[in-house]
Amino acid sequence: MKYQIRHLTRYCYQHPVANSYNLACLQPRRLPTQELCSFSLEVSPTASSVYARTDTFGNTQHFIHLQPPHQQLAVTAYSVVEVLPRQQSLALDLTQPWPQVAAFFRQQQGYSPEQLKALLCTGPSRMIPVLDETKALIQSIADSTLTVLQLAQQLTDLIFQQFEYDPEFSSVVTPVSEVLLHKKGVCQDFAQLAVSCLRALGIPARYVSGYLETSPPEGQPRLIGADASHAWFAVYDPELGWVDFDPTNNLMPAERHITLAYGRDYADVVPLKGLLQGHGVHQLEVEVDVVPI
């Protein structure tokens, strides 16, 4: 399936600001199951400088600097992405038992470069603490005979069944503890909750940001989420690598999930953030169009 994506982020400031330094994480990933056909970034007013870099996790980030005074900043990313079929017949029961995976990442040597990156996703991060409550939640289903992928699947089902999707409940800074307490949230909350649970057992898990086609093809059910953004998680198996799960929809992502970036938590993949010289309040507008082509 091929998609055309337009992602607009607009800041309107109460007073003119200057020397605005911004970091954008808006370029979709190139993956074995995802081809980036084209990408362009439009900045208004015209940026003083724009340059790209690749971060630790392989995401492409763009640094944007606006020096002259301005009262509005609009950054629009245009992408064309082709998502290829994933291996939906993956045998979850033939992967490694989760205690074996956790033990592998407790050792002190013998990691490949990719496994070292996975090791970064075994402990607490800025937005995803490892809590006694999340450990208790996953221990309720963590039978030692389960493979790491079976455990991730059962955790996905547990969150889907026991937590309410409520777009009015949370914001991007709502802590995992509040999601646990109220048993509600949105896709970002459920992804970070799942990551916290898996890391509580020492299993590598990462946060994945992206887009979701919410208008389904004829005959297929509508997925839960918003075109503006979507999030899910991935768990690491030393033999298979990273495998994705979507607890908001209780499924493994396929052709209707478009991967933007991934990291330890949301803070690693914020679509647009920055610093500026100025004062006063600001308004934020986000518009995203995901159109099959």
C-alpha atoms as a PDB file:
ATOM      1  CA  MET A   1       0.000   0.000   0.000  1.00  0.00           C
ATOM      2  CA  LYS A   2       1.329   3.445  -0.943  1.00  0.00           C
ATOM      3  CA  TYR A   3       0.479   6.601   1.037  1.00  0.00           C
ATOM      4  CA  GLN A   4       0.887  10.325   0.579  1.00  0.00           C
ATOM      5  CA  ILE A   5       1.441  12.070   3.930  1.00  0.00           C
ATOM      6  CA  ARG A   6       1.304  15.745   4.819  1.00  0.00           C
ATOM      7  CA  HIS A   7       2.267  16.675   8.395  1.00  0.00           C
ATOM      8  CA  LEU A   8       1.940  20.359   9.320  1.00  0.00           C
ATOM      9  CA  THR A   9       3.081  21.800  12.666  1.00  0.00           C
ATOM     10  CA  ARG A  10       2.346  25.489  13.217  1.00  0.00           C
ATOM     11  CA  TYR A  11       3.350  27.662  16.195  1.00  0.00           C
ATOM     12  CA  CYS A  12       1.712  31.079  16.620  1.00  0.00           C
ATOM     13  CA  TYR A  13       3.442  33.348  19.162  1.00  0.00           C
ATOM     14  CA  GLN A  14       1.886  36.157  21.197  1.00  0.00           C
ATOM     15  CA  HIS A  15       4.917  38.370  20.506  1.00  0.00           C
ATOM     16  CA  PRO A  16       7.684  38.196  17.881  1.00  0.00           C
ATOM     17  CA  VAL A  17      10.464  35.739  18.713  1.00  0.00           C
ATOM     18  CA  ALA A  18      13.953  35.338  17.280  1.00  0.00           C
ATOM     19  CA  ASN A  19      16.757  32.789  17.071  1.00  0.00           C
ATOM     20  CA  SER A  20      14.420  29.837  16.970  1.00  0.00           C
ATOM     21  CA  TYR A  21      16.337  26.535  17.077  1.00  0.00           C
ATOM     22  CA  ASN A  22      14.202  23.503  16.234  1.00  0.00           C
ATOM     23  CA  LEU A  23      14.676  19.760  15.905  1.00  0.00           C
ATOM     24  CA  ALA A  24      12.238  17.926  13.613  1.00  0.00           C
ATOM     25  CA  CYS A  25      11.721  14.170  13.538  1.00  0.00           C
ATOM     26  CA  LEU A  26       9.337  14.000  10.575  1.00  0.00           C
ATOM     27  CA  GLN A  27      11.016  11.827   7.948  1.00  0.00           C
ATOM     28  CA  PRO A  28       9.564   8.283   7.786  1.00  0.00           C
ATOM     29  CA  ARG A  29      11.956   5.372   8.192  1.00  0.00           C
ATOM     30  CA  ARG A  30      13.450   3.297   5.406  1.00  0.00           C
ATOM     31  CA  LEU A  31      12.826  -0.310   6.446  1.00  0.00           C
ATOM     32  CA  PRO A  32      12.737  -3.769   4.835  1.00  0.00           C
ATOM     33  CA  THR A  33       8.933  -3.488   4.934  1.00  0.00           C
ATOM     34  CA  GLN A  34       8.715   0.236   4.159  1.00  0.00           C
ATOM     35  CA  GLU A  35      10.058   2.229   1.232  1.00  0.00           C
ATOM     36  CA  LEU A  36      10.415   6.006   1.437  1.00  0.00           C
ATOM     37  CA  CYS A  37       9.642   7.116  -2.108  1.00  0.00           C
ATOM     38  CA  SER A  38      10.034  10.863  -1.519  1.00  0.00           C
ATOM     39  CA  PHE A  39      10.389  13.384   1.299  1.00  0.00           C
ATOM     40  CA  SER A  40      10.558  17.171   1.489  1.00  0.00           C
ATOM     41  CA  LEU A  41      10.442  19.715   4.294  1.00  0.00           C
ATOM     42  CA  GLU A  42       8.917  23.177   3.928  1.00  0.00           C
ATOM     43  CA  VAL A  43       9.619  25.880   6.531  1.00  0.00           C
ATOM     44  CA  SER A  44       7.799  29.216   6.738  1.00  0.00           C
ATOM     45  CA  PRO A  45       9.204  31.824   7.172  1.00  0.00           C
ATOM     46  CA  THR A  46      12.278  30.710   5.270  1.00  0.00           C
ATOM     47  CA  ALA A  47      14.808  29.112   7.586  1.00  0.00           C
ATOM     48  CA  SER A  48      18.273  30.576   8.031  1.00  0.00           C
ATOM     49  CA  SER A  49      19.647  27.025   7.870  1.00  0.00           C
ATOM     50  CA  VAL A  50      18.393  23.439   7.677  1.00  0.00           C
ATOM     51  CA  TYR A  51      20.540  20.327   7.883  1.00  0.00           C
ATOM     52  CA  ALA A  52      19.917  16.661   8.582  1.00  0.00           C
ATOM     53  CA  ARG A  53      21.582  14.081  10.798  1.00  0.00           C
ATOM     54  CA  THR A  54      21.000  10.468  11.822  1.00  0.00           C
ATOM     55  CA  ASP A  55      20.503   9.764  15.523  1.00  0.00           C
ATOM     56  CA  THR A  56      21.558   6.738  17.588  1.00  0.00           C
ATOM     57  CA  PHE A  57      18.507   4.738  16.544  1.00  0.00           C
ATOM     58  CA  GLY A  58      18.815   5.511  12.834  1.00  0.00           C
ATOM     59  CA  ASN A  59      16.072   8.160  12.709  1.00  0.00           C
ATOM     60  CA  THR A  60      16.624  11.113  10.379  1.00  0.00           C
ATOM     61  CA  GLN A  61      16.350  14.421  12.229  1.00  0.00           C
ATOM     62  CA  HIS A  62      16.414  17.944  10.771  1.00  0.00           C
ATOM     63  CA  PHE A  63      17.860  20.959  12.599  1.00  0.00           C
ATOM     64  CA  ILE A  64      16.029  24.165  11.664  1.00  0.00           C
ATOM     65  CA  HIS A  65      17.305  27.631  12.604  1.00  0.00           C
ATOM     66  CA  LEU A  66      15.343  30.871  12.095  1.00  0.00           C
ATOM     67  CA  GLN A  67      17.316  33.962  13.059  1.00  0.00           C
ATOM     68  CA  PRO A  68      15.113  36.974  12.112  1.00  0.00           C
ATOM     69  CA  PRO A  69      12.135  37.920  14.327  1.00  0.00           C
ATOM     70  CA  HIS A  70       8.943  36.027  13.475  1.00  0.00           C
ATOM     71  CA  GLN A  71       5.507  35.593  15.040  1.00  0.00           C
ATOM     72  CA  GLN A  72       4.616  32.292  13.393  1.00  0.00           C
ATOM     73  CA  LEU A  73       6.507  29.141  12.466  1.00  0.00           C
ATOM     74  CA  ALA A  74       5.083  26.503  10.144  1.00  0.00           C
ATOM     75  CA  VAL A  75       6.954  23.275   9.343  1.00  0.00           C
ATOM     76  CA  THR A  76       5.352  20.953   6.809  1.00  0.00           C
ATOM     77  CA  ALA A  77       6.681  17.507   5.934  1.00  0.00           C
ATOM     78  CA  TYR A  78       5.579  15.892   2.666  1.00  0.00           C
ATOM     79  CA  SER A  79       6.197  12.158   2.265  1.00  0.00           C
ATOM     80  CA  VAL A  80       5.282   9.366  -0.084  1.00  0.00           C
ATOM     81  CA  VAL A  81       5.707   5.957   1.555  1.00  0.00           C
ATOM     82  CA  GLU A  82       5.064   2.434   0.335  1.00  0.00           C
ATOM     83  CA  VAL A  83       4.358  -0.079   3.108  1.00  0.00           C
ATOM     84  CA  LEU A  84       5.018  -3.680   2.135  1.00  0.00           C
ATOM     85  CA  PRO A  85       3.300  -6.747   3.600  1.00  0.00           C
ATOM     86  CA  ARG A  86       4.810  -7.967   6.857  1.00  0.00           C
ATOM     87  CA  GLN A  87       5.246 -11.578   7.925  1.00  0.00           C
ATOM     88  CA  GLN A  88       1.860 -12.037   9.563  1.00  0.00           C
ATOM     89  CA  SER A  89       2.318 -15.826   9.871  1.00  0.00           C
ATOM     90  CA  LEU A  90       5.204 -15.357  12.316  1.00  0.00           C
ATOM     91  CA  ALA A  91       5.287 -18.375  14.651  1.00  0.00           C
ATOM     92  CA  LEU A  92       5.212 -16.701  18.056  1.00  0.00           C
ATOM     93  CA  ASP A  93       5.735 -20.013  19.834  1.00  0.00           C
ATOM     94  CA  LEU A  94       9.016 -20.828  18.075  1.00  0.00           C
ATOM     95  CA  THR A  95      10.973 -17.845  19.369  1.00  0.00           C
ATOM     96  CA  GLN A  96      13.078 -17.748  22.552  1.00  0.00           C
ATOM     97  CA  PRO A  97      11.449 -18.046  26.008  1.00  0.00           C
ATOM     98  CA  TRP A  98      11.279 -14.621  27.637  1.00  0.00           C
ATOM     99  CA  PRO A  99      13.390 -15.601  30.704  1.00  0.00           C
ATOM    100  CA  GLN A 100      16.159 -16.611  28.293  1.00  0.00           C
ATOM    101  CA  VAL A 101      15.981 -13.237  26.525  1.00  0.00           C
ATOM    102  CA  ALA A 102      16.065 -11.359  29.853  1.00  0.00           C
ATOM    103  CA  ALA A 103      19.060 -13.438  30.982  1.00  0.00           C
ATOM    104  CA  PHE A 104      20.871 -12.733  27.694  1.00  0.00           C
ATOM    105  CA  PHE A 105      20.668  -8.988  28.332  1.00  0.00           C
ATOM    106  CA  ARG A 106      21.873  -9.332  31.925  1.00  0.00           C
ATOM    107  CA  GLN A 107      25.246 -10.605  30.755  1.00  0.00           C
ATOM    108  CA  GLN A 108      28.114  -8.163  30.409  1.00  0.00           C
ATOM    109  CA  GLN A 109      29.649  -9.028  27.037  1.00  0.00           C
ATOM    110  CA  GLY A 110      29.188 -10.614  23.643  1.00  0.00           C
ATOM    111  CA  TYR A 111      26.676  -8.157  22.156  1.00  0.00           C
ATOM    112  CA  SER A 112      26.446  -7.304  18.477  1.00  0.00           C
ATOM    113  CA  PRO A 113      26.057  -3.609  17.500  1.00  0.00           C
ATOM    114  CA  GLU A 114      22.286  -4.097  17.070  1.00  0.00           C
ATOM    115  CA  GLN A 115      22.033  -5.859  20.435  1.00  0.00           C
ATOM    116  CA  LEU A 116      23.893  -2.969  22.085  1.00  0.00           C
ATOM    117  CA  LYS A 117      21.160  -0.630  20.810  1.00  0.00           C
ATOM    118  CA  ALA A 118      18.566  -3.029  22.213  1.00  0.00           C
ATOM    119  CA  LEU A 119      20.419  -2.924  25.541  1.00  0.00           C
ATOM    120  CA  LEU A 120      19.639   0.825  25.688  1.00  0.00           C
ATOM    121  CA  CYS A 121      15.961  -0.171  25.772  1.00  0.00           C
ATOM    122  CA  THR A 122      16.103  -2.492  28.781  1.00  0.00           C
ATOM    123  CA  GLY A 123      16.056   0.085  31.581  1.00  0.00           C
ATOM    124  CA  PRO A 124      14.071   3.181  32.588  1.00  0.00           C
ATOM    125  CA  SER A 125      14.161   6.263  30.367  1.00  0.00           C
ATOM    126  CA  ARG A 126      13.078   9.875  30.708  1.00  0.00           C
ATOM    127  CA  MET A 127       9.367   9.258  30.101  1.00  0.00           C
ATOM    128  CA  ILE A 128       9.127   5.534  30.847  1.00  0.00           C
ATOM    129  CA  PRO A 129      10.033   4.602  34.419  1.00  0.00           C
ATOM    130  CA  VAL A 130      10.085   1.000  35.566  1.00  0.00           C
ATOM    131  CA  LEU A 131       7.458   0.889  38.312  1.00  0.00           C
ATOM    132  CA  ASP A 132       6.442  -1.723  40.868  1.00  0.00           C
ATOM    133  CA  GLU A 133       2.925  -1.413  39.430  1.00  0.00           C
ATOM    134  CA  THR A 134       4.014  -2.204  35.871  1.00  0.00           C
ATOM    135  CA  LYS A 135       6.112  -5.114  37.102  1.00  0.00           C
ATOM    136  CA  ALA A 136       3.102  -6.490  38.975  1.00  0.00           C
ATOM    137  CA  LEU A 137       0.914  -6.071  35.891  1.00  0.00           C
ATOM    138  CA  ILE A 138       3.145  -8.099  33.605  1.00  0.00           C
ATOM    139  CA  GLN A 139       4.007 -10.693  36.257  1.00  0.00           C
ATOM    140  CA  SER A 140       0.308 -11.539  36.306  1.00  0.00           C
ATOM    141  CA  ILE A 141       0.713 -13.028  32.800  1.00  0.00           C
ATOM    142  CA  ALA A 142       4.458 -13.804  32.674  1.00  0.00           C
ATOM    143  CA  ASP A 143       4.402 -17.593  32.633  1.00  0.00           C
ATOM    144  CA  SER A 144       8.025 -18.718  32.297  1.00  0.00           C
ATOM    145  CA  THR A 145       7.083 -21.099  29.458  1.00  0.00           C
ATOM    146  CA  LEU A 146       5.975 -18.231  27.186  1.00  0.00           C
ATOM    147  CA  THR A 147       8.254 -17.077  24.401  1.00  0.00           C
ATOM    148  CA  VAL A 148       9.147 -13.392  24.327  1.00  0.00           C
ATOM    149  CA  LEU A 149       6.710 -12.807  21.452  1.00  0.00           C
ATOM    150  CA  GLN A 150       3.901 -14.745  23.119  1.00  0.00           C
ATOM    151  CA  LEU A 151       4.403 -12.600  26.219  1.00  0.00           C
ATOM    152  CA  ALA A 152       4.277  -9.412  24.135  1.00  0.00           C
ATOM    153  CA  GLN A 153       1.099 -10.621  22.463  1.00  0.00           C
ATOM    154  CA  GLN A 154      -0.563 -11.420  25.794  1.00  0.00           C
ATOM    155  CA  LEU A 155       0.464  -8.013  27.155  1.00  0.00           C
ATOM    156  CA  THR A 156      -1.016  -6.360  24.052  1.00  0.00           C
ATOM    157  CA  ASP A 157      -4.294  -8.199  24.635  1.00  0.00           C
ATOM    158  CA  LEU A 158      -4.324  -7.352  28.358  1.00  0.00           C
ATOM    159  CA  ILE A 159      -3.937  -3.612  27.713  1.00  0.00           C
ATOM    160  CA  PHE A 160      -6.591  -3.693  25.001  1.00  0.00           C
ATOM    161  CA  GLN A 161      -9.062  -5.521  27.247  1.00  0.00           C
ATOM    162  CA  GLN A 162      -8.457  -3.702  30.552  1.00  0.00           C
ATOM    163  CA  PHE A 163      -7.696  -0.109  29.507  1.00  0.00           C
ATOM    164  CA  GLU A 164     -10.115   2.377  27.923  1.00  0.00           C
ATOM    165  CA  TYR A 165      -9.155   4.428  24.879  1.00  0.00           C
ATOM    166  CA  ASP A 166     -10.000   8.024  25.872  1.00  0.00           C
ATOM    167  CA  PRO A 167      -8.595  10.856  23.712  1.00  0.00           C
ATOM    168  CA  GLU A 168      -9.708  13.435  26.289  1.00  0.00           C
ATOM    169  CA  PHE A 169      -7.819  11.869  29.204  1.00  0.00           C
ATOM    170  CA  SER A 170      -4.137  12.506  28.623  1.00  0.00           C
ATOM    171  CA  SER A 171      -1.493  14.703  27.025  1.00  0.00           C
ATOM    172  CA  VAL A 172       2.009  13.985  25.751  1.00  0.00           C
ATOM    173  CA  VAL A 173       3.379  14.416  29.297  1.00  0.00           C
ATOM    174  CA  THR A 174       0.876  12.225  31.188  1.00  0.00           C
ATOM    175  CA  PRO A 175       2.957   9.804  33.321  1.00  0.00           C
ATOM    176  CA  VAL A 176       2.615   6.038  33.094  1.00  0.00           C
ATOM    177  CA  SER A 177       1.512   5.961  36.743  1.00  0.00           C
ATOM    178  CA  GLU A 178      -1.617   8.015  35.897  1.00  0.00           C
ATOM    179  CA  VAL A 179      -2.490   5.701  33.018  1.00  0.00           C
ATOM    180  CA  LEU A 180      -2.228   2.750  35.383  1.00  0.00           C
ATOM    181  CA  LEU A 181      -4.277   4.441  38.076  1.00  0.00           C
ATOM    182  CA  HIS A 182      -7.190   5.423  35.813  1.00  0.00           C
ATOM    183  CA  LYS A 183      -6.881   2.538  33.323  1.00  0.00           C
ATOM    184  CA  LYS A 184      -7.366   4.822  30.353  1.00  0.00           C
ATOM    185  CA  GLY A 185      -5.338   6.754  27.826  1.00  0.00           C
ATOM    186  CA  VAL A 186      -4.423   6.961  24.146  1.00  0.00           C
ATOM    187  CA  CYS A 187      -2.027   5.126  21.858  1.00  0.00           C
ATOM    188  CA  GLN A 188       1.069   6.880  23.252  1.00  0.00           C
ATOM    189  CA  ASP A 189       0.064   5.952  26.804  1.00  0.00           C
ATOM    190  CA  PHE A 190      -0.575   2.295  25.948  1.00  0.00           C
ATOM    191  CA  ALA A 191       2.733   2.009  24.073  1.00  0.00           C
ATOM    192  CA  GLN A 192       4.713   3.488  26.957  1.00  0.00           C
ATOM    193  CA  LEU A 193       2.832   1.320  29.470  1.00  0.00           C
ATOM    194  CA  ALA A 194       3.732  -1.825  27.505  1.00  0.00           C
ATOM    195  CA  VAL A 195       7.376  -0.757  27.252  1.00  0.00           C
ATOM    196  CA  SER A 196       7.532  -0.152  31.016  1.00  0.00           C
ATOM    197  CA  CYS A 197       6.058  -3.600  31.684  1.00  0.00           C
ATOM    198  CA  LEU A 198       8.541  -5.433  29.458  1.00  0.00           C
ATOM    199  CA  ARG A 199      11.536  -3.505  30.743  1.00  0.00           C
ATOM    200  CA  ALA A 200      10.480  -4.416  34.296  1.00  0.00           C
ATOM    201  CA  LEU A 201      11.416  -7.994  33.339  1.00  0.00           C
ATOM    202  CA  GLY A 202      14.660  -6.928  31.646  1.00  0.00           C
ATOM    203  CA  ILE A 203      13.294  -7.428  28.120  1.00  0.00           C
ATOM    204  CA  PRO A 204      14.275  -4.818  25.485  1.00  0.00           C
ATOM    205  CA  ALA A 205      11.270  -2.811  24.317  1.00  0.00           C
ATOM    206  CA  ARG A 206      11.141   0.418  22.334  1.00  0.00           C
ATOM    207  CA  TYR A 207       8.600   3.135  21.536  1.00  0.00           C
ATOM    208  CA  VAL A 208       7.503   3.452  17.896  1.00  0.00           C
ATOM    209  CA  SER A 209       5.863   6.573  16.444  1.00  0.00           C
ATOM    210  CA  GLY A 210       4.085   6.752  13.153  1.00  0.00           C
ATOM    211  CA  TYR A 211       0.842   7.188  11.285  1.00  0.00           C
ATOM    212  CA  LEU A 212      -2.230   5.039  10.869  1.00  0.00           C
ATOM    213  CA  GLU A 213      -4.634   4.785   8.000  1.00  0.00           C
ATOM    214  CA  THR A 214      -7.937   5.164   9.863  1.00  0.00           C
ATOM    215  CA  SER A 215     -10.201   5.007   6.804  1.00  0.00           C
ATOM    216  CA  PRO A 216     -10.094   1.287   6.021  1.00  0.00           C
ATOM    217  CA  PRO A 217     -10.456  -0.448   2.677  1.00  0.00           C
ATOM    218  CA  GLU A 218     -13.926  -1.832   2.020  1.00  0.00           C
ATOM    219  CA  GLY A 219     -14.654  -4.869   4.151  1.00  0.00           C
ATOM    220  CA  GLN A 220     -11.967  -4.162   6.774  1.00  0.00           C
ATOM    221  CA  PRO A 221     -12.643  -2.780  10.276  1.00  0.00           C
ATOM    222  CA  ARG A 222     -11.716   0.763  11.232  1.00  0.00           C
ATOM    223  CA  LEU A 223      -8.640   0.933  13.455  1.00  0.00           C
ATOM    224  CA  ILE A 224      -8.589   3.030  16.632  1.00  0.00           C
ATOM    225  CA  GLY A 225      -6.373   6.095  16.561  1.00  0.00           C
ATOM    226  CA  ALA A 226      -5.998   9.431  14.817  1.00  0.00           C
ATOM    227  CA  ASP A 227      -4.450  10.439  11.531  1.00  0.00           C
ATOM    228  CA  ALA A 228      -2.538  13.092  13.481  1.00  0.00           C
ATOM    229  CA  SER A 229      -0.268  10.485  15.060  1.00  0.00           C
ATOM    230  CA  HIS A 230      -0.119   6.930  16.274  1.00  0.00           C
ATOM    231  CA  ALA A 231       2.205   4.952  18.514  1.00  0.00           C
ATOM    232  CA  TRP A 232       2.916   1.337  19.328  1.00  0.00           C
ATOM    233  CA  PHE A 233       5.794  -0.703  20.744  1.00  0.00           C
ATOM    234  CA  ALA A 234       8.342  -3.264  19.589  1.00  0.00           C
ATOM    235  CA  VAL A 235       9.978  -6.069  21.546  1.00  0.00           C
ATOM    236  CA  TYR A 236      13.420  -7.507  20.789  1.00  0.00           C
ATOM    237  CA  ASP A 237      14.177 -11.152  20.141  1.00  0.00           C
ATOM    238  CA  PRO A 238      17.934 -11.898  19.740  1.00  0.00           C
ATOM    239  CA  GLU A 239      17.224 -14.168  16.747  1.00  0.00           C
ATOM    240  CA  LEU A 240      14.412 -12.275  14.964  1.00  0.00           C
ATOM    241  CA  GLY A 241      15.247  -8.697  15.918  1.00  0.00           C
ATOM    242  CA  TRP A 242      12.483  -6.174  16.605  1.00  0.00           C
ATOM    243  CA  VAL A 243       8.837  -7.219  16.300  1.00  0.00           C
ATOM    244  CA  ASP A 244       5.987  -4.660  16.510  1.00  0.00           C
ATOM    245  CA  PHE A 245       2.726  -4.830  18.490  1.00  0.00           C
ATOM    246  CA  ASP A 246      -0.145  -2.320  18.632  1.00  0.00           C
ATOM    247  CA  PRO A 247      -1.978  -2.504  22.004  1.00  0.00           C
ATOM    248  CA  THR A 248      -4.480   0.186  21.000  1.00  0.00           C
ATOM    249  CA  ASN A 249      -5.889  -2.116  18.330  1.00  0.00           C
ATOM    250  CA  ASN A 250      -4.743  -5.489  19.732  1.00  0.00           C
ATOM    251  CA  LEU A 251      -2.849  -6.516  16.616  1.00  0.00           C
ATOM    252  CA  MET A 252       0.568  -6.701  15.003  1.00  0.00           C
ATOM    253  CA  PRO A 253       1.103  -3.703  12.684  1.00  0.00           C
ATOM    254  CA  ALA A 254       0.773  -4.402   8.985  1.00  0.00           C
ATOM    255  CA  GLU A 255       0.266  -2.342   5.817  1.00  0.00           C
ATOM    256  CA  ARG A 256      -1.907   0.317   7.478  1.00  0.00           C
ATOM    257  CA  HIS A 257       0.817   1.293   9.979  1.00  0.00           C
ATOM    258  CA  ILE A 258       3.439   3.761   8.700  1.00  0.00           C
ATOM    259  CA  THR A 259       6.619   3.904  10.797  1.00  0.00           C
ATOM    260  CA  LEU A 260       8.033   7.365  11.411  1.00  0.00           C
ATOM    261  CA  ALA A 261      10.689   6.858  14.100  1.00  0.00           C
ATOM    262  CA  TYR A 262      11.591   4.873  17.184  1.00  0.00           C
ATOM    263  CA  GLY A 263      13.557   5.288  20.393  1.00  0.00           C
ATOM    264  CA  ARG A 264      13.518   4.730  24.134  1.00  0.00           C
ATOM    265  CA  ASP A 265      10.336   6.789  24.578  1.00  0.00           C
ATOM    266  CA  TYR A 266       8.350   9.693  23.103  1.00  0.00           C
ATOM    267  CA  ALA A 267      11.047  12.208  24.094  1.00  0.00           C
ATOM    268  CA  ASP A 268      13.409  10.615  21.540  1.00  0.00           C
ATOM    269  CA  VAL A 269      10.964  11.047  18.649  1.00  0.00           C
ATOM    270  CA  VAL A 270       9.075  14.319  19.269  1.00  0.00           C
ATOM    271  CA  PRO A 271       7.925  15.526  15.811  1.00  0.00           C
ATOM    272  CA  LEU A 272       9.052  19.126  16.431  1.00  0.00           C
ATOM    273  CA  LYS A 273      10.659  20.730  19.464  1.00  0.00           C
ATOM    274  CA  GLY A 274      12.969  23.677  20.038  1.00  0.00           C
ATOM    275  CA  LEU A 275      14.262  26.730  21.859  1.00  0.00           C
ATOM    276  CA  LEU A 276      13.756  30.407  21.062  1.00  0.00           C
ATOM    277  CA  GLN A 277      14.354  33.940  22.295  1.00  0.00           C
ATOM    278  CA  GLY A 278      11.144  35.668  23.306  1.00  0.00           C
ATOM    279  CA  HIS A 279       8.295  35.631  25.795  1.00  0.00           C
ATOM    280  CA  GLY A 280       4.531  35.223  25.971  1.00  0.00           C
ATOM    281  CA  VAL A 281       2.187  32.349  25.282  1.00  0.00           C
ATOM    282  CA  HIS A 282       1.909  30.416  22.031  1.00  0.00           C
ATOM    283  CA  GLN A 283      -0.652  28.306  20.209  1.00  0.00           C
ATOM    284  CA  LEU A 284       0.121  24.979  18.575  1.00  0.00           C
ATOM    285  CA  GLU A 285      -1.727  23.537  15.576  1.00  0.00           C
ATOM    286  CA  VAL A 286      -1.084  20.129  14.033  1.00  0.00           C
ATOM    287  CA  GLU A 287      -2.624  18.829  10.814  1.00  0.00           C
ATOM    288  CA  VAL A 288      -1.915  15.424   9.318  1.00  0.00           C
ATOM    289  CA  ASP A 289      -3.307  13.906   6.123  1.00  0.00           C
ATOM    290  CA  VAL A 290      -2.680  10.231   5.346  1.00  0.00           C
ATOM    291  CA  VAL A 291      -4.043   9.456   1.876  1.00  0.00           C
ATOM    292  CA  PRO A 292      -3.769   6.090   0.089  1.00  0.00           C
ATOM    293  CA  ILE A 293      -2.590   6.500  -3.504  1.00  0.00           C
END
